[in-house]
């Protein structure tokens, strides 16, 4: 990454953007940037809103996430546990550095991952 690209990204570092939309029977929540303590309340609110709908599936898309901490992991684990009985929760794998956190914490086999 050159200096121009780095400068263009700088305002987005340390923040989380959410993009959510209903696609037919699926409620898709795309996470962009960094999921940490600061962004966790917004994701939690969005997950609870999605769960309150009649969507047949809830998909959390991590493809544009660059960082996740233990707070973010906890939210995804809790959402997966809440949806365990109906199986409507899925996580689209993120970049290597994000997915590595799930591997290190041994959550890869506990969470419902799908390839994008």
PDB file of N, CA and C in Angstrom:
ATOM      1  N   UNK A   1       0.861  -1.165   0.000  1.00  0.00           N
ATOM      2  CA  UNK A   1       0.000   0.000   0.000  1.00  0.00           C
ATOM      3  C   UNK A   1       0.912   1.234   0.000  1.00  0.00           C
ATOM      4  N   UNK A   2       0.643   2.170  -0.900  1.00  0.00           N
ATOM      5  CA  UNK A   2       1.460   3.378  -0.938  1.00  0.00           C
ATOM      6  C   UNK A   2       0.900   4.446   0.000  1.00  0.00           C
ATOM      7  N   UNK A   3       1.616   5.559   0.124  1.00  0.00           N
ATOM      8  CA  UNK A   3       1.218   6.617   1.065  1.00  0.00           C
ATOM      9  C   UNK A   3      -0.136   7.227   0.735  1.00  0.00           C
ATOM     10  N   UNK A   4      -0.456   7.363  -0.545  1.00  0.00           N
ATOM     11  CA  UNK A   4      -1.748   7.936  -0.943  1.00  0.00           C
ATOM     12  C   UNK A   4      -2.888   7.026  -0.496  1.00  0.00           C
ATOM     13  N   UNK A   5      -2.736   5.726  -0.724  1.00  0.00           N
ATOM     14  CA  UNK A   5      -3.762   4.768  -0.295  1.00  0.00           C
ATOM     15  C   UNK A   5      -3.899   4.757   1.220  1.00  0.00           C
ATOM     16  N   UNK A   6      -2.751   4.785   1.907  1.00  0.00           N
ATOM     17  CA  UNK A   6      -2.762   4.795   3.367  1.00  0.00           C
ATOM     18  C   UNK A   6      -3.477   6.035   3.892  1.00  0.00           C
ATOM     19  N   UNK A   7      -3.232   7.177   3.308  1.00  0.00           N
ATOM     20  CA  UNK A   7      -3.880   8.425   3.725  1.00  0.00           C
ATOM     21  C   UNK A   7      -5.377   8.376   3.464  1.00  0.00           C
ATOM     22  N   UNK A   8      -5.770   7.776   2.367  1.00  0.00           N
ATOM     23  CA  UNK A   8      -7.196   7.678   2.047  1.00  0.00           C
ATOM     24  C   UNK A   8      -7.930   6.801   3.046  1.00  0.00           C
ATOM     25  N   UNK A   9      -7.238   5.779   3.557  1.00  0.00           N
ATOM     26  CA  UNK A   9      -7.848   4.874   4.534  1.00  0.00           C
ATOM     27  C   UNK A   9      -7.847   5.424   5.943  1.00  0.00           C
ATOM     28  N   UNK A  10      -6.950   6.333   6.246  1.00  0.00           N
ATOM     29  CA  UNK A  10      -6.748   6.816   7.616  1.00  0.00           C
ATOM     30  C   UNK A  10      -8.019   7.249   8.323  1.00  0.00           C
ATOM     31  N   UNK A  11      -8.924   8.016   7.694  1.00  0.00           N
ATOM     32  CA  UNK A  11     -10.127   8.420   8.417  1.00  0.00           C
ATOM     33  C   UNK A  11     -11.012   7.241   8.829  1.00  0.00           C
ATOM     34  N   UNK A  12     -10.861   6.105   8.165  1.00  0.00           N
ATOM     35  CA  UNK A  12     -11.709   4.949   8.455  1.00  0.00           C
ATOM     36  C   UNK A  12     -11.108   4.021   9.495  1.00  0.00           C
ATOM     37  N   UNK A  13      -9.824   4.192   9.803  1.00  0.00           N
ATOM     38  CA  UNK A  13      -9.200   3.303  10.770  1.00  0.00           C
ATOM     39  C   UNK A  13      -9.802   3.517  12.153  1.00  0.00           C
ATOM     40  N   UNK A  14      -9.987   2.434  12.867  1.00  0.00           N
ATOM     41  CA  UNK A  14     -10.522   2.542  14.210  1.00  0.00           C
ATOM     42  C   UNK A  14     -12.028   2.712  14.272  1.00  0.00           C
ATOM     43  N   UNK A  15     -12.689   2.556  13.145  1.00  0.00           N
ATOM     44  CA  UNK A  15     -14.136   2.727  13.166  1.00  0.00           C
ATOM     45  C   UNK A  15     -14.810   1.554  12.456  1.00  0.00           C
ATOM     46  N   UNK A  16     -16.077   1.398  12.764  1.00  0.00           N
ATOM     47  CA  UNK A  16     -16.876   0.345  12.154  1.00  0.00           C
ATOM     48  C   UNK A  16     -18.030   0.969  11.410  1.00  0.00           C
ATOM     49  N   UNK A  17     -18.213   0.529  10.199  1.00  0.00           N
ATOM     50  CA  UNK A  17     -19.396   0.904   9.423  1.00  0.00           C
ATOM     51  C   UNK A  17     -20.225  -0.356   9.219  1.00  0.00           C
ATOM     52  N   UNK A  18     -21.525  -0.204   9.306  1.00  0.00           N
ATOM     53  CA  UNK A  18     -22.454  -1.315   9.070  1.00  0.00           C
ATOM     54  C   UNK A  18     -23.289  -1.002   7.845  1.00  0.00           C
ATOM     55  N   UNK A  19     -23.471  -1.999   7.034  1.00  0.00           N
ATOM     56  CA  UNK A  19     -24.373  -1.867   5.890  1.00  0.00           C
ATOM     57  C   UNK A  19     -25.323  -3.056   5.980  1.00  0.00           C
ATOM     58  N   UNK A  20     -26.581  -2.779   6.222  1.00  0.00           N
ATOM     59  CA  UNK A  20     -27.531  -3.886   6.341  1.00  0.00           C
ATOM     60  C   UNK A  20     -28.645  -3.713   5.324  1.00  0.00           C
ATOM     61  N   UNK A  21     -29.105  -4.838   4.826  1.00  0.00           N
ATOM     62  CA  UNK A  21     -30.188  -4.816   3.846  1.00  0.00           C
ATOM     63  C   UNK A  21     -30.908  -6.158   3.832  1.00  0.00           C
ATOM     64  N   UNK A  22     -32.109  -6.102   3.418  1.00  0.00           N
ATOM     65  CA  UNK A  22     -32.913  -7.313   3.255  1.00  0.00           C
ATOM     66  C   UNK A  22     -32.809  -7.759   1.813  1.00  0.00           C
ATOM     67  N   UNK A  23     -32.355  -8.963   1.594  1.00  0.00           N
ATOM     68  CA  UNK A  23     -32.245  -9.547   0.254  1.00  0.00           C
ATOM     69  C   UNK A  23     -33.145 -10.767   0.203  1.00  0.00           C
ATOM     70  N   UNK A  24     -34.375 -10.565  -0.206  1.00  0.00           N
ATOM     71  CA  UNK A  24     -35.331 -11.659  -0.220  1.00  0.00           C
ATOM     72  C   UNK A  24     -35.594 -12.135   1.187  1.00  0.00           C
ATOM     73  N   UNK A  25     -35.316 -13.402   1.457  1.00  0.00           N
ATOM     74  CA  UNK A  25     -35.520 -13.982   2.789  1.00  0.00           C
ATOM     75  C   UNK A  25     -34.316 -13.805   3.712  1.00  0.00           C
ATOM     76  N   UNK A  26     -33.258 -13.158   3.204  1.00  0.00           N
ATOM     77  CA  UNK A  26     -32.040 -13.005   3.998  1.00  0.00           C
ATOM     78  C   UNK A  26     -31.876 -11.567   4.485  1.00  0.00           C
ATOM     79  N   UNK A  27     -31.455 -11.432   5.720  1.00  0.00           N
ATOM     80  CA  UNK A  27     -31.105 -10.141   6.319  1.00  0.00           C
ATOM     81  C   UNK A  27     -29.583 -10.138   6.383  1.00  0.00           C
ATOM     82  N   UNK A  28     -28.944  -9.285   5.581  1.00  0.00           N
ATOM     83  CA  UNK A  28     -27.492  -9.277   5.464  1.00  0.00           C
ATOM     84  C   UNK A  28     -26.916  -8.051   6.177  1.00  0.00           C
ATOM     85  N   UNK A  29     -25.956  -8.299   7.051  1.00  0.00           N
ATOM     86  CA  UNK A  29     -25.261  -7.234   7.775  1.00  0.00           C
ATOM     87  C   UNK A  29     -23.793  -7.306   7.368  1.00  0.00           C
ATOM     88  N   UNK A  30     -23.334  -6.308   6.615  1.00  0.00           N
ATOM     89  CA  UNK A  30     -21.927  -6.248   6.205  1.00  0.00           C
ATOM     90  C   UNK A  30     -21.170  -5.357   7.180  1.00  0.00           C
ATOM     91  N   UNK A  31     -20.040  -5.846   7.660  1.00  0.00           N
ATOM     92  CA  UNK A  31     -19.197  -5.099   8.586  1.00  0.00           C
ATOM     93  C   UNK A  31     -17.986  -4.578   7.828  1.00  0.00           C
ATOM     94  N   UNK A  32     -17.721  -3.287   7.991  1.00  0.00           N
ATOM     95  CA  UNK A  32     -16.639  -2.636   7.260  1.00  0.00           C
ATOM     96  C   UNK A  32     -15.750  -1.899   8.261  1.00  0.00           C
ATOM     97  N   UNK A  33     -14.457  -2.208   8.232  1.00  0.00           N
ATOM     98  CA  UNK A  33     -13.524  -1.521   9.126  1.00  0.00           C
ATOM     99  C   UNK A  33     -13.110  -2.394  10.289  1.00  0.00           C
ATOM    100  N   UNK A  34     -13.213  -1.834  11.502  1.00  0.00           N
ATOM    101  CA  UNK A  34     -12.747  -2.514  12.705  1.00  0.00           C
ATOM    102  C   UNK A  34     -13.891  -2.734  13.690  1.00  0.00           C
ATOM    103  N   UNK A  35     -14.064  -3.987  14.097  1.00  0.00           N
ATOM    104  CA  UNK A  35     -15.081  -4.323  15.093  1.00  0.00           C
ATOM    105  C   UNK A  35     -14.397  -4.478  16.437  1.00  0.00           C
ATOM    106  N   UNK A  36     -14.600  -3.482  17.292  1.00  0.00           N
ATOM    107  CA  UNK A  36     -14.012  -3.495  18.631  1.00  0.00           C
ATOM    108  C   UNK A  36     -15.037  -2.962  19.617  1.00  0.00           C
ATOM    109  N   UNK A  37     -14.588  -2.647  20.801  1.00  0.00           N
ATOM    110  CA  UNK A  37     -15.473  -2.167  21.860  1.00  0.00           C
ATOM    111  C   UNK A  37     -16.308  -0.967  21.416  1.00  0.00           C
ATOM    112  N   UNK A  38     -15.732  -0.090  20.615  1.00  0.00           N
ATOM    113  CA  UNK A  38     -16.426   1.107  20.154  1.00  0.00           C
ATOM    114  C   UNK A  38     -17.610   0.785  19.233  1.00  0.00           C
ATOM    115  N   UNK A  39     -17.426  -0.147  18.321  1.00  0.00           N
ATOM    116  CA  UNK A  39     -18.482  -0.466  17.354  1.00  0.00           C
ATOM    117  C   UNK A  39     -19.439  -1.553  17.800  1.00  0.00           C
ATOM    118  N   UNK A  40     -19.109  -2.250  18.874  1.00  0.00           N
ATOM    119  CA  UNK A  40     -19.914  -3.388  19.325  1.00  0.00           C
ATOM    120  C   UNK A  40     -21.378  -3.051  19.599  1.00  0.00           C
ATOM    121  N   UNK A  41     -21.691  -1.933  20.255  1.00  0.00           N
ATOM    122  CA  UNK A  41     -23.108  -1.644  20.517  1.00  0.00           C
ATOM    123  C   UNK A  41     -23.939  -1.509  19.234  1.00  0.00           C
ATOM    124  N   UNK A  42     -23.358  -0.941  18.187  1.00  0.00           N
ATOM    125  CA  UNK A  42     -24.098  -0.811  16.920  1.00  0.00           C
ATOM    126  C   UNK A  42     -24.364  -2.173  16.303  1.00  0.00           C
ATOM    127  N   UNK A  43     -23.363  -3.064  16.348  1.00  0.00           N
ATOM    128  CA  UNK A  43     -23.581  -4.402  15.807  1.00  0.00           C
ATOM    129  C   UNK A  43     -24.604  -5.154  16.636  1.00  0.00           C
ATOM    130  N   UNK A  44     -24.508  -5.056  17.944  1.00  0.00           N
ATOM    131  CA  UNK A  44     -25.458  -5.755  18.802  1.00  0.00           C
ATOM    132  C   UNK A  44     -26.891  -5.306  18.511  1.00  0.00           C
ATOM    133  N   UNK A  45     -27.084  -4.016  18.364  1.00  0.00           N
ATOM    134  CA  UNK A  45     -28.419  -3.480  18.050  1.00  0.00           C
ATOM    135  C   UNK A  45     -28.904  -3.991  16.697  1.00  0.00           C
ATOM    136  N   UNK A  46     -28.013  -4.034  15.717  1.00  0.00           N
ATOM    137  CA  UNK A  46     -28.392  -4.507  14.384  1.00  0.00           C
ATOM    138  C   UNK A  46     -28.721  -5.995  14.387  1.00  0.00           C
ATOM    139  N   UNK A  47     -27.951  -6.781  15.132  1.00  0.00           N
ATOM    140  CA  UNK A  47     -28.234  -8.222  15.234  1.00  0.00           C
ATOM    141  C   UNK A  47     -29.594  -8.472  15.880  1.00  0.00           C
ATOM    142  N   UNK A  48     -29.884  -7.761  16.959  1.00  0.00           N
ATOM    143  CA  UNK A  48     -31.176  -7.928  17.635  1.00  0.00           C
ATOM    144  C   UNK A  48     -32.328  -7.498  16.736  1.00  0.00           C
ATOM    145  N   UNK A  49     -32.123  -6.438  15.964  1.00  0.00           N
ATOM    146  CA  UNK A  49     -33.150  -6.000  15.010  1.00  0.00           C
ATOM    147  C   UNK A  49     -33.386  -7.068  13.949  1.00  0.00           C
ATOM    148  N   UNK A  50     -32.305  -7.640  13.441  1.00  0.00           N
ATOM    149  CA  UNK A  50     -32.420  -8.689  12.431  1.00  0.00           C
ATOM    150  C   UNK A  50     -33.145  -9.906  12.986  1.00  0.00           C
ATOM    151  N   UNK A  51     -32.818 -10.276  14.216  1.00  0.00           N
ATOM    152  CA  UNK A  51     -33.448 -11.438  14.840  1.00  0.00           C
ATOM    153  C   UNK A  51     -34.936 -11.228  15.078  1.00  0.00           C
ATOM    154  N   UNK A  52     -35.348  -9.988  15.216  1.00  0.00           N
ATOM    155  CA  UNK A  52     -36.757  -9.685  15.455  1.00  0.00           C
ATOM    156  C   UNK A  52     -37.587  -9.718  14.167  1.00  0.00           C
ATOM    157  N   UNK A  53     -36.934  -9.860  13.024  1.00  0.00           N
ATOM    158  CA  UNK A  53     -37.663  -9.901  11.758  1.00  0.00           C
ATOM    159  C   UNK A  53     -38.069 -11.337  11.429  1.00  0.00           C
ATOM    160  N   UNK A  54     -38.794 -11.466  10.335  1.00  0.00           N
ATOM    161  CA  UNK A  54     -39.191 -12.798   9.867  1.00  0.00           C
ATOM    162  C   UNK A  54     -38.213 -13.359   8.833  1.00  0.00           C
ATOM    163  N   UNK A  55     -37.032 -12.757   8.730  1.00  0.00           N
ATOM    164  CA  UNK A  55     -36.040 -13.229   7.768  1.00  0.00           C
ATOM    165  C   UNK A  55     -35.704 -14.695   8.025  1.00  0.00           C
ATOM    166  N   UNK A  56     -35.642 -15.465   6.962  1.00  0.00           N
ATOM    167  CA  UNK A  56     -35.316 -16.891   7.085  1.00  0.00           C
ATOM    168  C   UNK A  56     -33.858 -17.101   7.442  1.00  0.00           C
ATOM    169  N   UNK A  57     -32.997 -16.138   7.063  1.00  0.00           N
ATOM    170  CA  UNK A  57     -31.580 -16.249   7.405  1.00  0.00           C
ATOM    171  C   UNK A  57     -31.005 -14.877   7.745  1.00  0.00           C
ATOM    172  N   UNK A  58     -30.029 -14.903   8.628  1.00  0.00           N
ATOM    173  CA  UNK A  58     -29.291 -13.705   9.013  1.00  0.00           C
ATOM    174  C   UNK A  58     -27.839 -13.983   8.664  1.00  0.00           C
ATOM    175  N   UNK A  59     -27.279 -13.139   7.813  1.00  0.00           N
ATOM    176  CA  UNK A  59     -25.914 -13.329   7.334  1.00  0.00           C
ATOM    177  C   UNK A  59     -25.070 -12.144   7.782  1.00  0.00           C
ATOM    178  N   UNK A  60     -23.982 -12.428   8.488  1.00  0.00           N
ATOM    179  CA  UNK A  60     -23.022 -11.389   8.856  1.00  0.00           C
ATOM    180  C   UNK A  60     -21.833 -11.548   7.921  1.00  0.00           C
ATOM    181  N   UNK A  61     -21.598 -10.531   7.115  1.00  0.00           N
ATOM    182  CA  UNK A  61     -20.565 -10.540   6.086  1.00  0.00           C
ATOM    183  C   UNK A  61     -19.309  -9.859   6.629  1.00  0.00           C
ATOM    184  N   UNK A  62     -18.230 -10.636   6.789  1.00  0.00           N
ATOM    185  CA  UNK A  62     -16.979 -10.110   7.337  1.00  0.00           C
ATOM    186  C   UNK A  62     -15.953  -9.776   6.250  1.00  0.00           C
ATOM    187  N   UNK A  63     -16.313  -9.840   4.992  1.00  0.00           N
ATOM    188  CA  UNK A  63     -15.337  -9.679   3.909  1.00  0.00           C
ATOM    189  C   UNK A  63     -14.619  -8.332   3.912  1.00  0.00           C
ATOM    190  N   UNK A  64     -15.253  -7.288   4.440  1.00  0.00           N
ATOM    191  CA  UNK A  64     -14.625  -5.966   4.454  1.00  0.00           C
ATOM    192  C   UNK A  64     -14.140  -5.569   5.851  1.00  0.00           C
ATOM    193  N   UNK A  65     -14.099  -6.520   6.762  1.00  0.00           N
ATOM    194  CA  UNK A  65     -13.599  -6.263   8.110  1.00  0.00           C
ATOM    195  C   UNK A  65     -12.081  -6.392   8.103  1.00  0.00           C
ATOM    196  N   UNK A  66     -11.396  -5.487   8.794  1.00  0.00           N
ATOM    197  CA  UNK A  66      -9.935  -5.555   8.848  1.00  0.00           C
ATOM    198  C   UNK A  66      -9.429  -5.935  10.238  1.00  0.00           C
ATOM    199  N   UNK A  67     -10.300  -5.870  11.242  1.00  0.00           N
ATOM    200  CA  UNK A  67      -9.888  -6.167  12.615  1.00  0.00           C
ATOM    201  C   UNK A  67     -11.111  -6.573  13.426  1.00  0.00           C
ATOM    202  N   UNK A  68     -10.917  -7.529  14.326  1.00  0.00           N
ATOM    203  CA  UNK A  68     -11.971  -7.905  15.266  1.00  0.00           C
ATOM    204  C   UNK A  68     -11.310  -8.220  16.600  1.00  0.00           C
ATOM    205  N   UNK A  69     -11.915  -7.754  17.698  1.00  0.00           N
ATOM    206  CA  UNK A  69     -11.377  -8.057  19.023  1.00  0.00           C
ATOM    207  C   UNK A  69     -12.332  -8.988  19.757  1.00  0.00           C
ATOM    208  N   UNK A  70     -12.027  -9.251  21.022  1.00  0.00           N
ATOM    209  CA  UNK A  70     -12.822 -10.206  21.801  1.00  0.00           C
ATOM    210  C   UNK A  70     -14.271  -9.757  21.975  1.00  0.00           C
ATOM    211  N   UNK A  71     -14.506  -8.459  21.978  1.00  0.00           N
ATOM    212  CA  UNK A  71     -15.882  -7.966  22.091  1.00  0.00           C
ATOM    213  C   UNK A  71     -16.687  -8.385  20.865  1.00  0.00           C
ATOM    214  N   UNK A  72     -16.104  -8.234  19.707  1.00  0.00           N
ATOM    215  CA  UNK A  72     -16.768  -8.645  18.474  1.00  0.00           C
ATOM    216  C   UNK A  72     -16.986 -10.146  18.420  1.00  0.00           C
ATOM    217  N   UNK A  73     -15.985 -10.898  18.853  1.00  0.00           N
ATOM    218  CA  UNK A  73     -16.128 -12.356  18.896  1.00  0.00           C
ATOM    219  C   UNK A  73     -17.302 -12.750  19.786  1.00  0.00           C
ATOM    220  N   UNK A  74     -17.378 -12.112  20.950  1.00  0.00           N
ATOM    221  CA  UNK A  74     -18.446 -12.435  21.899  1.00  0.00           C
ATOM    222  C   UNK A  74     -19.819 -12.178  21.281  1.00  0.00           C
ATOM    223  N   UNK A  75     -19.979 -11.059  20.571  1.00  0.00           N
ATOM    224  CA  UNK A  75     -21.272 -10.751  19.951  1.00  0.00           C
ATOM    225  C   UNK A  75     -21.668 -11.811  18.928  1.00  0.00           C
ATOM    226  N   UNK A  76     -20.710 -12.253  18.126  1.00  0.00           N
ATOM    227  CA  UNK A  76     -21.013 -13.267  17.114  1.00  0.00           C
ATOM    228  C   UNK A  76     -21.320 -14.619  17.746  1.00  0.00           C
ATOM    229  N   UNK A  77     -20.609 -14.963  18.803  1.00  0.00           N
ATOM    230  CA  UNK A  77     -20.899 -16.215  19.512  1.00  0.00           C
ATOM    231  C   UNK A  77     -22.299 -16.165  20.118  1.00  0.00           C
ATOM    232  N   UNK A  78     -22.637 -15.051  20.749  1.00  0.00           N
ATOM    233  CA  UNK A  78     -23.964 -14.923  21.360  1.00  0.00           C
ATOM    234  C   UNK A  78     -25.070 -14.982  20.311  1.00  0.00           C
ATOM    235  N   UNK A  79     -24.866 -14.336  19.164  1.00  0.00           N
ATOM    236  CA  UNK A  79     -25.871 -14.377  18.098  1.00  0.00           C
ATOM    237  C   UNK A  79     -26.031 -15.801  17.569  1.00  0.00           C
ATOM    238  N   UNK A  80     -24.929 -16.508  17.414  1.00  0.00           N
ATOM    239  CA  UNK A  80     -24.995 -17.901  16.958  1.00  0.00           C
ATOM    240  C   UNK A  80     -25.739 -18.765  17.958  1.00  0.00           C
ATOM    241  N   UNK A  81     -25.487 -18.550  19.249  1.00  0.00           N
ATOM    242  CA  UNK A  81     -26.182 -19.322  20.282  1.00  0.00           C
ATOM    243  C   UNK A  81     -27.676 -19.028  20.291  1.00  0.00           C
ATOM    244  N   UNK A  82     -28.048 -17.757  20.111  1.00  0.00           N
ATOM    245  CA  UNK A  82     -29.475 -17.406  20.089  1.00  0.00           C
ATOM    246  C   UNK A  82     -30.185 -18.038  18.898  1.00  0.00           C
ATOM    247  N   UNK A  83     -29.469 -18.242  17.804  1.00  0.00           N
ATOM    248  CA  UNK A  83     -30.073 -18.792  16.586  1.00  0.00           C
ATOM    249  C   UNK A  83     -29.854 -20.289  16.442  1.00  0.00           C
ATOM    250  N   UNK A  84     -29.275 -20.901  17.449  1.00  0.00           N
ATOM    251  CA  UNK A  84     -28.951 -22.323  17.361  1.00  0.00           C
ATOM    252  C   UNK A  84     -30.184 -23.187  17.083  1.00  0.00           C
ATOM    253  N   UNK A  85     -31.299 -22.855  17.682  1.00  0.00           N
ATOM    254  CA  UNK A  85     -32.494 -23.690  17.514  1.00  0.00           C
ATOM    255  C   UNK A  85     -33.105 -23.589  16.119  1.00  0.00           C
ATOM    256  N   UNK A  86     -32.929 -22.439  15.460  1.00  0.00           N
ATOM    257  CA  UNK A  86     -33.539 -22.293  14.136  1.00  0.00           C
ATOM    258  C   UNK A  86     -32.510 -22.309  13.006  1.00  0.00           C
ATOM    259  N   UNK A  87     -31.224 -22.242  13.322  1.00  0.00           N
ATOM    260  CA  UNK A  87     -30.168 -22.356  12.323  1.00  0.00           C
ATOM    261  C   UNK A  87     -30.147 -21.284  11.255  1.00  0.00           C
ATOM    262  N   UNK A  88     -30.661 -20.120  11.572  1.00  0.00           N
ATOM    263  CA  UNK A  88     -30.739 -19.091  10.527  1.00  0.00           C
ATOM    264  C   UNK A  88     -29.569 -18.119  10.517  1.00  0.00           C
ATOM    265  N   UNK A  89     -28.560 -18.333  11.340  1.00  0.00           N
ATOM    266  CA  UNK A  89     -27.415 -17.433  11.450  1.00  0.00           C
ATOM    267  C   UNK A  89     -26.204 -17.988  10.708  1.00  0.00           C
ATOM    268  N   UNK A  90     -25.581 -17.164   9.848  1.00  0.00           N
ATOM    269  CA  UNK A  90     -24.407 -17.565   9.084  1.00  0.00           C
ATOM    270  C   UNK A  90     -23.413 -16.410   9.059  1.00  0.00           C
ATOM    271  N   UNK A  91     -22.137 -16.751   9.052  1.00  0.00           N
ATOM    272  CA  UNK A  91     -21.077 -15.752   8.972  1.00  0.00           C
ATOM    273  C   UNK A  91     -20.285 -16.004   7.693  1.00  0.00           C
ATOM    274  N   UNK A  92     -20.179 -14.976   6.843  1.00  0.00           N
ATOM    275  CA  UNK A  92     -19.328 -15.080   5.664  1.00  0.00           C
ATOM    276  C   UNK A  92     -17.901 -14.776   6.085  1.00  0.00           C
ATOM    277  N   UNK A  93     -16.987 -15.664   5.754  1.00  0.00           N
ATOM    278  CA  UNK A  93     -15.589 -15.526   6.158  1.00  0.00           C
ATOM    279  C   UNK A  93     -15.003 -14.187   5.728  1.00  0.00           C
ATOM    280  N   UNK A  94     -14.147 -13.667   6.609  1.00  0.00           N
ATOM    281  CA  UNK A  94     -13.449 -12.425   6.321  1.00  0.00           C
ATOM    282  C   UNK A  94     -12.056 -12.689   5.792  1.00  0.00           C
ATOM    283  N   UNK A  95     -11.265 -11.619   5.667  1.00  0.00           N
ATOM    284  CA  UNK A  95      -9.883 -11.771   5.207  1.00  0.00           C
ATOM    285  C   UNK A  95      -9.068 -12.640   6.164  1.00  0.00           C
ATOM    286  N   UNK A  96      -7.919 -13.066   5.710  1.00  0.00           N
ATOM    287  CA  UNK A  96      -7.079 -13.984   6.490  1.00  0.00           C
ATOM    288  C   UNK A  96      -6.805 -13.483   7.902  1.00  0.00           C
ATOM    289  N   UNK A  97      -6.456 -12.181   8.038  1.00  0.00           N
ATOM    290  CA  UNK A  97      -6.102 -11.671   9.365  1.00  0.00           C
ATOM    291  C   UNK A  97      -7.295 -11.684  10.312  1.00  0.00           C
ATOM    292  N   UNK A  98      -8.488 -11.550   9.792  1.00  0.00           N
ATOM    293  CA  UNK A  98      -9.701 -11.605  10.626  1.00  0.00           C
ATOM    294  C   UNK A  98     -10.030 -13.063  10.945  1.00  0.00           C
ATOM    295  N   UNK A  99     -10.001 -13.909   9.944  1.00  0.00           N
ATOM    296  CA  UNK A  99     -10.352 -15.316  10.175  1.00  0.00           C
ATOM    297  C   UNK A  99      -9.341 -15.990  11.112  1.00  0.00           C
ATOM    298  N   UNK A 100      -8.116 -15.525  11.076  1.00  0.00           N
ATOM    299  CA  UNK A 100      -7.081 -16.085  11.950  1.00  0.00           C
ATOM    300  C   UNK A 100      -7.455 -15.941  13.427  1.00  0.00           C
ATOM    301  N   UNK A 101      -8.133 -14.856  13.777  1.00  0.00           N
ATOM    302  CA  UNK A 101      -8.563 -14.652  15.168  1.00  0.00           C
ATOM    303  C   UNK A 101      -9.546 -15.757  15.578  1.00  0.00           C
ATOM    304  N   UNK A 102     -10.427 -16.154  14.679  1.00  0.00           N
ATOM    305  CA  UNK A 102     -11.370 -17.238  14.972  1.00  0.00           C
ATOM    306  C   UNK A 102     -10.635 -18.571  15.116  1.00  0.00           C
ATOM    307  N   UNK A 103      -9.583 -18.762  14.320  1.00  0.00           N
ATOM    308  CA  UNK A 103      -8.796 -19.989  14.422  1.00  0.00           C
ATOM    309  C   UNK A 103      -8.042 -20.040  15.750  1.00  0.00           C
ATOM    310  N   UNK A 104      -7.405 -18.947  16.115  1.00  0.00           N
ATOM    311  CA  UNK A 104      -6.613 -18.894  17.351  1.00  0.00           C
ATOM    312  C   UNK A 104      -7.484 -19.140  18.580  1.00  0.00           C
ATOM    313  N   UNK A 105      -8.703 -18.621  18.550  1.00  0.00           N
ATOM    314  CA  UNK A 105      -9.609 -18.760  19.693  1.00  0.00           C
ATOM    315  C   UNK A 105     -10.452 -20.037  19.627  1.00  0.00           C
ATOM    316  N   UNK A 106     -10.180 -20.871  18.641  1.00  0.00           N
ATOM    317  CA  UNK A 106     -10.873 -22.156  18.476  1.00  0.00           C
ATOM    318  C   UNK A 106     -12.380 -21.990  18.260  1.00  0.00           C
ATOM    319  N   UNK A 107     -12.762 -20.917  17.590  1.00  0.00           N
ATOM    320  CA  UNK A 107     -14.174 -20.683  17.303  1.00  0.00           C
ATOM    321  C   UNK A 107     -14.573 -21.117  15.890  1.00  0.00           C
ATOM    322  N   UNK A 108     -13.618 -21.504  15.091  1.00  0.00           N
ATOM    323  CA  UNK A 108     -13.903 -21.871  13.702  1.00  0.00           C
ATOM    324  C   UNK A 108     -14.947 -22.986  13.614  1.00  0.00           C
ATOM    325  N   UNK A 109     -14.848 -23.959  14.481  1.00  0.00           N
ATOM    326  CA  UNK A 109     -15.779 -25.081  14.431  1.00  0.00           C
ATOM    327  C   UNK A 109     -17.039 -24.855  15.257  1.00  0.00           C
ATOM    328  N   UNK A 110     -17.075 -23.791  16.042  1.00  0.00           N
ATOM    329  CA  UNK A 110     -18.242 -23.506  16.874  1.00  0.00           C
ATOM    330  C   UNK A 110     -19.212 -22.530  16.203  1.00  0.00           C
ATOM    331  N   UNK A 111     -18.737 -21.822  15.183  1.00  0.00           N
ATOM    332  CA  UNK A 111     -19.574 -20.832  14.529  1.00  0.00           C
ATOM    333  C   UNK A 111     -19.914 -21.278  13.121  1.00  0.00           C
ATOM    334  N   UNK A 112     -21.086 -20.861  12.634  1.00  0.00           N
ATOM    335  CA  UNK A 112     -21.553 -21.296  11.308  1.00  0.00           C
ATOM    336  C   UNK A 112     -20.945 -20.454  10.167  1.00  0.00           C
ATOM    337  N   UNK A 113     -19.709 -20.768   9.776  1.00  0.00           N
ATOM    338  CA  UNK A 113     -19.045 -20.037   8.701  1.00  0.00           C
ATOM    339  C   UNK A 113     -19.446 -20.558   7.337  1.00  0.00           C
ATOM    340  N   UNK A 114     -19.448 -19.657   6.367  1.00  0.00           N
ATOM    341  CA  UNK A 114     -19.666 -20.022   4.970  1.00  0.00           C
ATOM    342  C   UNK A 114     -18.667 -19.233   4.140  1.00  0.00           C
ATOM    343  N   UNK A 115     -18.257 -19.817   3.036  1.00  0.00           N
ATOM    344  CA  UNK A 115     -17.379 -19.108   2.118  1.00  0.00           C
ATOM    345  C   UNK A 115     -18.215 -18.143   1.283  1.00  0.00           C
ATOM    346  N   UNK A 116     -17.655 -16.952   1.037  1.00  0.00           N
ATOM    347  CA  UNK A 116     -18.420 -15.959   0.234  1.00  0.00           C
ATOM    348  C   UNK A 116     -18.635 -16.411  -1.186  1.00  0.00           C
TER     349      UNK A 116
END
